[in-house]
Amino acid sequence: MFPLIRTAQVAKIPPLTDIVRSVNGFFRSITFNHFQGIHMSLANKVLASNNDLPIRTDQPVHSGKVRSVYWLTEADSRRLISEKGYDVAADAPLAIMVISDRISAFECIWRGEGGMNGVPGKGAALNAISNHWFKLFREQGLADSHILDVPHPLVWIVQKARPVMIEAICRQYITGSMWRAYAKGERNFCGIELADGLQKDQRLTELLITPSTKGILEGIPGVPEVDDVNVSRADIENNYADFKFRSPEDIDVYEKLLGEGFEVISNELAKIGQVFIDTKFEFGYVNDKQGVEKLIYMDEVGTPDSSRIWDGEQYKQGKIVENSKEGFRQLLLNHFPDPDILLNKNRMPERNDLARDNALPEAVLMAVSETYVGIAEKITGEKIILSDDPKAEIIATLAEQYDLIDQG
C-alpha cells in the first residue's frame, strides 16, 4: 500500500488505510467499480486547465482557484441576449464561466500523481448541485441567480453582478473554526454571544449568520485589512456602503435570503439522509430586463466545496461522516506532522510549499471523486457522466451552438 502523500518533509508516513480510518470514514473504500477500466484515460477526463480556451473575449481571463471567467464582447453579449431570449437588460455584460476539476483546500491547489491534476467529475458535480438548488430557489420564490444558461456540464453563461463584499456564512451546528474559537474560550463570534456548555458538533438552537469579508476591504473601522476576516452585523450596518449594499434595508433582505436558502437545502438533504451543517452564500446586484435592480444569489450554493454535509444516520450514532470537501481537509490535517501550517494564515509560504511539493496518489483523488459524484447524484437524482475530453467538448459546444470560438 502506497503512502498518502510522498514528501521529504515527513520521516514516517502511515499507510493510506490507516489515514483513511483516521478521518471518520470519509474515504469508505478505495476500490471504485464505476471507474475500473479507465485508468489510462483518467488524466484526459480531468479538466485541470480552464483559462486557455479560445473563447472570444476582449478582456483578460479571470482565473480563480476553481473557475475561470471569460467576459464576452459587447457584440456577443447583445447577440446572445437577443438570440437566446435571456431575461436581462439588452446591454447586460455576459460571461462564460468554466469550472475545472482542480481541488483546492486551505487556499492552495493540490496536485495529483501521474498527471491527474484534478478530481474526475468534481466540476460537473459542483455545477449540477448548484443548478439544482438555484432552480429550487426560483421555483419557491426566493431569488434569481446569475446563471442564464448551461451549455455544458462544466460551463455556465452568467450575467455580470455587482457583488456584495461578504462571504455570507451560516451555521446550524458548532464545528470547524467556530468550535476552535469556542474551545479556546471565546464566547463572542462575529458579534454573537455564545452560551457556555456547548459541545463539539452539536446542533445550535438557531441558525447563526457569521459573515466574513470578501476580499480585502480598506478603511472600515474595526475591520482588519485582510481577506476573509470575521465581521459582525453591526460592522455591516455601520458601513453598509463599504460592503457594497445599496441600503441598510438590503441587509435584512440578504439575511432573509440566507435563512430561506439554508432551509430549502436543509429540508431537501434531510429527505436523502443528509445533514446540512453550515454553508457559504454569496450575493450580488443585477438589473432585470426592465432595468430594476435586484439582489440575487451568485457563485455556487450548497455544494461539497462551500458546505459541510454529514451523513444523517452516522450522526445519530455519534459519528461524523463527511460528504463534503471537509473530509479532504481533515485528511490533510491528519497527515502532515504540523497541521498549524494549514490553519495559520501567517504561514502561507510554508503552506504553498506543501501543496507544491506533495502529490496525491490517484486513489485519494478517486476517493474524493466518489464523494463529490455520489452526493451530486443523490441530490439531483441524475447520473454524473465523465467527459472523455472535456476541453474539446466545451469548445465544440460553444462554437456550434453559441458562435463564441475564435477559429484559427
Protein backbone atom coordinates (compact mmCIF):
# COMPACT_ATOMS: atom_id res chain seq x y z
CA MET A 1 0.00 0.00 0.00
CA PHE A 2 1.49 3.31 -1.05
CA PRO A 3 1.62 6.33 1.29
CA LEU A 4 -0.96 9.08 1.15
CA ILE A 5 1.49 11.80 0.18
CA ARG A 6 5.11 11.44 -0.75
CA THR A 7 7.26 14.09 0.82
CA ALA A 8 10.79 14.54 2.03
CA GLN A 9 9.45 16.55 4.95
CA VAL A 10 7.77 13.62 6.70
CA ALA A 11 10.04 10.89 8.01
CA LYS A 12 7.39 8.23 8.54
CA ILE A 13 4.07 8.25 6.75
CA PRO A 14 1.29 5.88 7.82
CA PRO A 15 -0.30 3.61 5.25
CA LEU A 16 -3.24 5.02 3.33
CA THR A 17 -5.65 2.61 5.04
CA ASP A 18 -4.69 3.97 8.47
CA ILE A 19 -5.17 7.54 7.31
CA VAL A 20 -8.50 6.64 5.74
CA ARG A 21 -9.73 5.25 9.07
CA SER A 22 -8.48 8.32 10.91
CA VAL A 23 -10.80 10.77 9.14
CA ASN A 24 -14.10 9.31 10.29
CA GLY A 25 -14.89 7.25 7.26
CA PHE A 26 -14.60 10.00 4.63
CA PHE A 27 -12.98 7.53 2.28
CA ARG A 28 -15.13 4.45 2.75
CA SER A 29 -13.36 2.49 0.02
CA ILE A 30 -10.54 2.91 -2.43
CA THR A 31 -12.00 0.44 -4.91
CA PHE A 32 -14.42 2.15 -7.27
CA ASN A 33 -16.08 -0.24 -9.72
CA HIS A 34 -17.57 2.54 -11.83
CA PHE A 35 -14.08 3.84 -12.60
CA GLN A 36 -12.44 0.50 -13.35
CA GLY A 37 -11.02 0.12 -16.83
CA ILE A 38 -10.43 3.83 -17.44
CA HIS A 39 -7.15 4.16 -15.56
CA MET A 40 -5.10 5.10 -18.60
CA SER A 41 -7.52 7.84 -19.66
CA LEU A 42 -8.25 9.42 -16.28
CA ALA A 43 -5.95 12.38 -16.88
CA ASN A 44 -7.82 13.14 -20.10
CA LYS A 45 -11.15 13.11 -18.26
CA VAL A 46 -9.98 15.80 -15.85
CA LEU A 47 -10.24 19.46 -16.79
CA ALA A 48 -7.22 20.84 -14.94
CA SER A 49 -6.61 23.95 -17.04
CA ASN A 50 -9.62 26.12 -17.84
CA ASN A 51 -8.09 29.52 -18.62
CA ASP A 52 -6.72 28.71 -22.09
CA LEU A 53 -9.89 28.12 -24.11
CA PRO A 54 -10.21 30.04 -27.42
CA ILE A 55 -13.38 31.81 -26.29
CA ARG A 56 -13.77 35.22 -27.97
CA THR A 57 -13.12 37.99 -25.47
CA ASP A 58 -11.54 41.43 -25.43
CA GLN A 59 -10.66 41.33 -21.73
CA PRO A 60 -8.16 39.33 -19.66
CA VAL A 61 -9.43 35.95 -18.46
CA HIS A 62 -10.11 35.98 -14.73
CA SER A 63 -8.83 32.75 -13.18
CA GLY A 64 -9.77 31.66 -9.68
CA LYS A 65 -8.81 28.53 -7.79
CA VAL A 66 -11.54 26.50 -9.48
CA ARG A 67 -13.35 28.66 -12.06
CA SER A 68 -12.25 30.87 -14.96
CA VAL A 69 -14.36 33.72 -16.31
CA TYR A 70 -14.31 34.90 -19.93
CA TRP A 71 -16.09 38.24 -20.36
CA LEU A 72 -17.80 38.31 -23.74
CA THR A 73 -17.53 41.23 -26.14
CA GLU A 74 -20.39 43.70 -26.09
CA ALA A 75 -21.47 42.49 -29.53
CA ASP A 76 -21.58 38.83 -28.46
CA SER A 77 -23.41 39.68 -25.23
CA ARG A 78 -26.10 41.62 -27.11
CA ARG A 79 -26.38 38.91 -29.76
CA LEU A 80 -26.87 36.08 -27.25
CA ILE A 81 -29.39 38.08 -25.20
CA SER A 82 -31.41 38.58 -28.37
CA GLU A 83 -30.98 35.08 -29.83
CA LYS A 84 -31.49 33.14 -26.61
CA GLY A 85 -34.11 35.40 -25.04
CA TYR A 86 -32.26 35.84 -21.73
CA ASP A 87 -34.30 37.79 -19.18
CA VAL A 88 -31.76 40.58 -18.73
CA ALA A 89 -31.28 44.11 -20.00
CA ALA A 90 -30.25 44.30 -23.67
CA ASP A 91 -26.88 45.80 -22.74
CA ALA A 92 -26.09 43.47 -19.81
CA PRO A 93 -22.48 42.20 -19.86
CA LEU A 94 -22.32 38.39 -20.10
CA ALA A 95 -19.54 35.94 -19.36
CA ILE A 96 -18.67 32.31 -19.91
CA MET A 97 -17.77 30.69 -16.59
CA VAL A 98 -15.83 27.43 -16.90
CA ILE A 99 -15.33 25.24 -13.85
CA SER A 100 -12.29 23.00 -13.58
CA ASP A 101 -11.78 19.71 -11.75
CA ARG A 102 -8.96 21.15 -9.65
CA ILE A 103 -9.21 20.71 -5.91
CA SER A 104 -8.28 23.46 -3.51
CA ALA A 105 -8.04 23.32 0.26
CA PHE A 106 -6.52 25.75 2.73
CA GLU A 107 -6.26 28.30 -0.12
CA CYS A 108 -3.94 26.05 -2.13
CA ILE A 109 -4.36 23.89 -5.23
CA TRP A 110 -3.38 20.25 -4.63
CA ARG A 111 -1.98 18.22 -7.50
CA GLY A 112 -2.06 14.51 -8.25
CA GLU A 113 0.44 11.95 -9.40
CA GLY A 114 0.67 10.74 -12.97
CA GLY A 115 -0.59 13.98 -14.50
CA MET A 116 -4.05 13.69 -12.93
CA ASN A 117 -4.15 17.20 -11.56
CA GLY A 118 -7.77 17.23 -10.53
CA VAL A 119 -10.68 15.11 -9.39
CA PRO A 120 -12.68 13.26 -12.07
CA GLY A 121 -16.26 14.51 -12.13
CA LYS A 122 -15.74 17.18 -9.48
CA GLY A 123 -16.54 20.22 -11.63
CA ALA A 124 -19.63 18.64 -13.18
CA ALA A 125 -20.83 17.55 -9.72
CA LEU A 126 -20.46 21.07 -8.27
CA ASN A 127 -22.28 22.68 -11.18
CA ALA A 128 -25.07 20.09 -11.11
CA ILE A 129 -25.67 20.63 -7.40
CA SER A 130 -25.70 24.43 -7.72
CA ASN A 131 -28.03 24.24 -10.73
CA HIS A 132 -30.39 22.08 -8.69
CA TRP A 133 -30.52 24.44 -5.69
CA PHE A 134 -30.77 27.60 -7.80
CA LYS A 135 -33.73 26.05 -9.64
CA LEU A 136 -35.47 25.26 -6.35
CA PHE A 137 -34.84 28.79 -5.09
CA ARG A 138 -36.52 30.25 -8.18
CA GLU A 139 -39.43 27.82 -8.01
CA GLN A 140 -40.03 28.64 -4.36
CA GLY A 141 -39.89 32.39 -4.94
CA LEU A 142 -36.63 33.19 -3.11
CA ALA A 143 -34.43 34.98 -5.65
CA ASP A 144 -32.75 34.51 -9.02
CA SER A 145 -29.09 33.62 -9.61
CA HIS A 146 -26.50 34.95 -12.04
CA ILE A 147 -26.81 31.84 -14.27
CA LEU A 148 -28.63 32.34 -17.59
CA ASP A 149 -27.72 29.17 -19.47
CA VAL A 150 -25.90 25.84 -19.04
CA PRO A 151 -24.31 24.92 -22.40
CA HIS A 152 -22.20 22.08 -20.94
CA PRO A 153 -21.91 20.39 -17.53
CA LEU A 154 -18.73 22.40 -16.89
CA VAL A 155 -19.96 25.72 -18.30
CA TRP A 156 -22.34 28.49 -17.25
CA ILE A 157 -23.33 31.60 -19.15
CA VAL A 158 -23.76 34.26 -16.48
CA GLN A 159 -24.69 37.91 -16.26
CA LYS A 160 -22.32 40.31 -14.58
CA ALA A 161 -23.31 41.03 -10.99
CA ARG A 162 -22.12 43.74 -8.63
CA PRO A 163 -21.01 41.61 -5.69
CA VAL A 164 -21.75 42.27 -2.05
CA MET A 165 -18.35 42.07 -0.38
CA ILE A 166 -19.38 39.47 2.17
CA GLU A 167 -18.82 35.73 2.45
CA ALA A 168 -22.28 35.02 3.82
CA ILE A 169 -21.68 32.07 6.15
CA CYS A 170 -24.43 30.48 8.20
CA ARG A 171 -24.12 27.67 10.73
CA GLN A 172 -26.63 25.24 12.22
CA TYR A 173 -24.01 23.20 14.12
CA ILE A 174 -20.93 24.25 16.09
CA THR A 175 -17.87 22.82 14.38
CA GLY A 176 -14.89 23.99 12.35
CA SER A 177 -13.49 27.46 13.04
CA MET A 178 -16.36 28.35 15.36
CA TRP A 179 -15.64 25.34 17.54
CA ARG A 180 -11.88 26.02 17.53
CA ALA A 181 -12.53 29.57 18.76
CA TYR A 182 -15.08 28.34 21.32
CA ALA A 183 -12.72 25.66 22.64
CA LYS A 184 -10.14 28.38 23.27
CA GLY A 185 -12.62 30.20 25.48
CA GLU A 186 -14.04 32.72 23.02
CA ARG A 187 -17.73 33.37 23.56
CA ASN A 188 -18.26 36.18 21.06
CA PHE A 189 -18.21 35.06 17.45
CA CYS A 190 -19.00 37.64 14.74
CA GLY A 191 -20.74 39.72 17.39
CA ILE A 192 -22.88 36.80 18.56
CA GLU A 193 -22.71 35.80 22.23
CA LEU A 194 -22.43 32.03 22.64
CA ALA A 195 -23.60 30.23 25.76
CA ASP A 196 -21.29 28.15 27.93
CA GLY A 197 -21.51 24.37 27.86
CA LEU A 198 -21.76 23.79 24.12
CA GLN A 199 -20.31 20.52 22.81
CA LYS A 200 -18.39 19.97 19.58
CA ASP A 201 -20.61 19.14 16.60
CA GLN A 202 -23.88 19.77 18.45
CA ARG A 203 -26.87 21.40 16.79
CA LEU A 204 -27.34 25.05 17.69
CA THR A 205 -30.69 26.35 18.91
CA GLU A 206 -30.92 28.68 15.93
CA LEU A 207 -29.22 29.27 12.61
CA LEU A 208 -26.31 31.66 13.15
CA ILE A 209 -25.16 34.11 10.48
CA THR A 210 -21.39 34.57 10.81
CA PRO A 211 -20.16 36.68 7.88
CA SER A 212 -16.60 37.39 6.79
CA THR A 213 -15.13 39.82 4.32
CA LYS A 214 -14.91 39.00 0.63
CA GLY A 215 -11.52 40.29 -0.37
CA ILE A 216 -9.53 42.99 1.38
CA LEU A 217 -11.68 45.92 2.45
CA GLU A 218 -9.91 49.13 3.38
CA GLY A 219 -10.84 51.95 5.71
CA ILE A 220 -13.59 50.23 7.72
CA PRO A 221 -13.24 50.96 11.45
CA GLY A 222 -12.51 47.81 13.45
CA VAL A 223 -12.21 45.57 10.38
CA PRO A 224 -8.64 44.38 9.65
CA GLU A 225 -7.48 44.93 6.08
CA VAL A 226 -7.04 41.24 5.29
CA ASP A 227 -9.07 38.79 3.25
CA ASP A 228 -11.74 36.62 4.85
CA VAL A 229 -11.87 38.21 8.29
CA ASN A 230 -14.92 37.73 10.52
CA VAL A 231 -17.25 40.70 10.90
CA SER A 232 -20.39 41.41 12.92
CA ARG A 233 -23.79 42.59 11.81
CA ALA A 234 -23.01 45.91 13.49
CA ASP A 235 -19.88 46.24 11.31
CA ILE A 236 -22.05 45.76 8.23
CA GLU A 237 -24.85 48.07 9.39
CA ASN A 238 -22.44 50.90 10.23
CA ASN A 239 -20.55 50.55 6.95
CA TYR A 240 -23.13 49.09 4.56
CA ALA A 241 -21.88 51.08 1.56
CA ASP A 242 -18.32 49.78 2.07
CA PHE A 243 -19.69 46.24 1.91
CA LYS A 244 -21.49 47.28 -1.33
CA PHE A 245 -25.04 47.09 -0.02
CA ARG A 246 -27.29 49.66 -1.69
CA SER A 247 -29.20 50.41 1.51
CA PRO A 248 -29.38 49.33 5.16
CA GLU A 249 -32.68 47.61 4.35
CA ASP A 250 -30.88 45.26 1.96
CA ILE A 251 -29.02 43.76 4.92
CA ASP A 252 -32.39 42.41 6.07
CA VAL A 253 -33.06 41.09 2.56
CA TYR A 254 -29.72 39.29 2.42
CA GLU A 255 -30.28 37.69 5.83
CA LYS A 256 -33.78 36.62 4.79
CA LEU A 257 -32.41 35.00 1.61
CA LEU A 258 -29.69 33.34 3.67
CA GLY A 259 -32.14 31.78 6.08
CA GLU A 260 -34.62 30.74 3.40
CA GLY A 261 -31.92 29.27 1.17
CA PHE A 262 -30.44 27.31 4.05
CA GLU A 263 -33.86 25.96 5.00
CA VAL A 264 -34.64 24.82 1.44
CA ILE A 265 -31.35 22.93 1.14
CA SER A 266 -31.53 21.52 4.67
CA ASN A 267 -35.05 20.15 4.13
CA GLU A 268 -34.14 18.56 0.80
CA LEU A 269 -30.95 16.98 2.17
CA ALA A 270 -32.88 15.52 5.09
CA LYS A 271 -35.02 13.63 2.57
CA ILE A 272 -31.92 11.76 1.37
CA GLY A 273 -30.49 11.13 4.84
CA GLN A 274 -28.00 14.01 4.94
CA VAL A 275 -27.49 16.78 7.50
CA PHE A 276 -26.76 20.35 6.35
CA ILE A 277 -24.20 21.66 8.83
CA ASP A 278 -23.01 25.02 7.55
CA THR A 279 -22.50 26.78 4.25
CA LYS A 280 -21.38 29.91 2.45
CA PHE A 281 -23.59 32.02 0.19
CA GLU A 282 -22.61 34.97 -1.98
CA PHE A 283 -24.85 37.74 -3.24
CA GLY A 284 -24.77 40.47 -5.84
CA TYR A 285 -26.91 43.03 -7.65
CA VAL A 286 -28.13 42.87 -11.25
CA ASN A 287 -30.67 44.77 -13.30
CA ASP A 288 -33.56 42.89 -14.88
CA LYS A 289 -34.92 43.47 -18.39
CA GLN A 290 -36.89 46.49 -17.16
CA GLY A 291 -33.78 47.98 -15.55
CA VAL A 292 -34.90 47.25 -11.99
CA GLU A 293 -32.07 46.41 -9.62
CA LYS A 294 -32.41 43.26 -7.54
CA LEU A 295 -30.33 41.20 -5.12
CA ILE A 296 -29.52 37.69 -6.36
CA TYR A 297 -27.63 34.57 -5.33
CA MET A 298 -24.28 34.12 -7.09
CA ASP A 299 -21.21 31.88 -7.20
CA GLU A 300 -22.27 28.37 -6.03
CA VAL A 301 -24.65 27.14 -3.33
CA GLY A 302 -24.97 24.05 -1.17
CA THR A 303 -22.04 22.20 -2.72
CA PRO A 304 -19.38 19.99 -1.10
CA ASP A 305 -16.93 22.85 -1.71
CA SER A 306 -18.96 25.55 0.02
CA SER A 307 -20.71 23.50 2.72
CA ARG A 308 -20.38 20.79 5.31
CA ILE A 309 -22.75 17.89 4.71
CA TRP A 310 -22.84 14.94 7.11
CA ASP A 311 -24.36 11.50 6.79
CA GLY A 312 -27.52 11.63 8.91
CA GLU A 313 -27.62 8.03 10.11
CA GLN A 314 -23.98 8.11 11.16
CA TYR A 315 -24.51 11.38 13.03
CA LYS A 316 -27.34 9.79 15.02
CA GLN A 317 -24.83 7.16 16.13
CA GLY A 318 -22.33 9.80 17.24
CA LYS A 319 -20.08 9.54 14.19
CA ILE A 320 -19.14 12.23 11.68
CA VAL A 321 -19.00 11.03 8.08
CA GLU A 322 -18.31 13.92 5.72
CA ASN A 323 -19.89 14.19 2.30
CA SER A 324 -18.02 17.39 1.52
CA LYS A 325 -14.53 18.75 0.99
CA GLU A 326 -14.15 18.98 4.75
CA GLY A 327 -13.22 15.28 4.71
CA PHE A 328 -10.34 16.04 2.35
CA ARG A 329 -9.26 18.93 4.59
CA GLN A 330 -9.30 16.63 7.62
CA LEU A 331 -7.24 14.07 5.74
CA LEU A 332 -4.54 16.69 5.10
CA LEU A 333 -4.66 17.90 8.71
CA ASN A 334 -4.27 14.35 9.98
CA HIS A 335 -1.44 13.56 7.61
CA PHE A 336 1.01 16.43 7.98
CA PRO A 337 3.02 16.46 11.24
CA ASP A 338 2.50 20.23 11.70
CA PRO A 339 -1.16 20.97 10.88
CA ASP A 340 -0.72 24.56 12.06
CA ILE A 341 0.85 25.24 8.66
CA LEU A 342 -2.55 24.58 7.09
CA LEU A 343 -4.51 26.59 9.66
CA ASN A 344 -2.26 29.58 10.34
CA LYS A 345 -2.61 32.29 7.70
CA ASN A 346 0.74 33.71 8.77
CA ARG A 347 2.42 30.57 7.42
CA MET A 348 1.18 30.78 3.84
CA PRO A 349 4.67 30.42 2.27
CA GLU A 350 5.12 27.08 4.06
CA ARG A 351 1.61 26.04 3.11
CA ASN A 352 2.24 26.84 -0.54
CA ASP A 353 5.41 24.73 -0.38
CA LEU A 354 3.44 21.76 1.00
CA ALA A 355 0.94 21.93 -1.84
CA ARG A 356 3.64 22.39 -4.47
CA ASP A 357 5.97 19.66 -3.24
CA ASN A 358 3.46 16.91 -2.44
CA ALA A 359 1.50 14.88 -4.98
CA LEU A 360 -1.67 13.00 -4.08
CA PRO A 361 -1.93 9.36 -5.16
CA GLU A 362 -4.63 8.51 -7.65
CA ALA A 363 -6.58 6.53 -5.03
CA VAL A 364 -7.01 9.66 -2.93
CA LEU A 365 -8.31 11.68 -5.88
CA MET A 366 -10.69 8.86 -6.81
CA ALA A 367 -11.98 8.74 -3.24
CA VAL A 368 -12.70 12.46 -3.39
CA SER A 369 -14.38 11.85 -6.73
CA GLU A 370 -16.67 9.23 -5.25
CA THR A 371 -17.72 11.66 -2.51
CA TYR A 372 -18.49 14.52 -4.90
CA VAL A 373 -20.13 12.45 -7.61
CA GLY A 374 -22.04 10.37 -5.05
CA ILE A 375 -23.60 13.31 -3.22
CA ALA A 376 -24.38 15.08 -6.51
CA GLU A 377 -26.24 12.05 -7.81
CA LYS A 378 -28.19 11.75 -4.57
CA ILE A 379 -29.17 15.42 -4.62
CA THR A 380 -30.10 15.71 -8.29
CA GLY A 381 -31.34 12.17 -8.90
CA GLU A 382 -29.28 12.08 -12.10
CA LYS A 383 -26.03 10.41 -13.13
CA ILE A 384 -22.87 12.48 -13.46
CA ILE A 385 -21.23 11.49 -16.73
CA LEU A 386 -17.49 11.95 -17.13
CA SER A 387 -16.47 13.67 -20.36
CA ASP A 388 -13.90 11.78 -22.41
CA ASP A 389 -12.28 15.06 -23.49
CA PRO A 390 -13.96 17.93 -21.64
CA LYS A 391 -11.97 20.75 -23.21
CA ALA A 392 -12.73 19.59 -26.75
CA GLU A 393 -16.42 19.14 -25.88
CA ILE A 394 -16.66 22.66 -24.45
CA ILE A 395 -15.01 24.22 -27.48
CA ALA A 396 -17.27 22.31 -29.87
CA THR A 397 -20.44 23.27 -27.99
CA LEU A 398 -19.58 26.96 -27.73
CA ALA A 399 -18.60 27.03 -31.41
CA GLU A 400 -21.59 25.20 -32.84
CA GLN A 401 -24.39 26.43 -30.59
CA TYR A 402 -23.18 29.87 -29.47
CA ASP A 403 -20.62 31.02 -32.08
CA LEU A 404 -18.18 32.10 -29.38
CA ILE A 405 -14.96 30.41 -30.52
CA ASP A 406 -12.33 32.24 -32.49
CA GLN A 407 -11.21 29.96 -35.31
CA GLY A 408 -7.63 29.70 -36.44
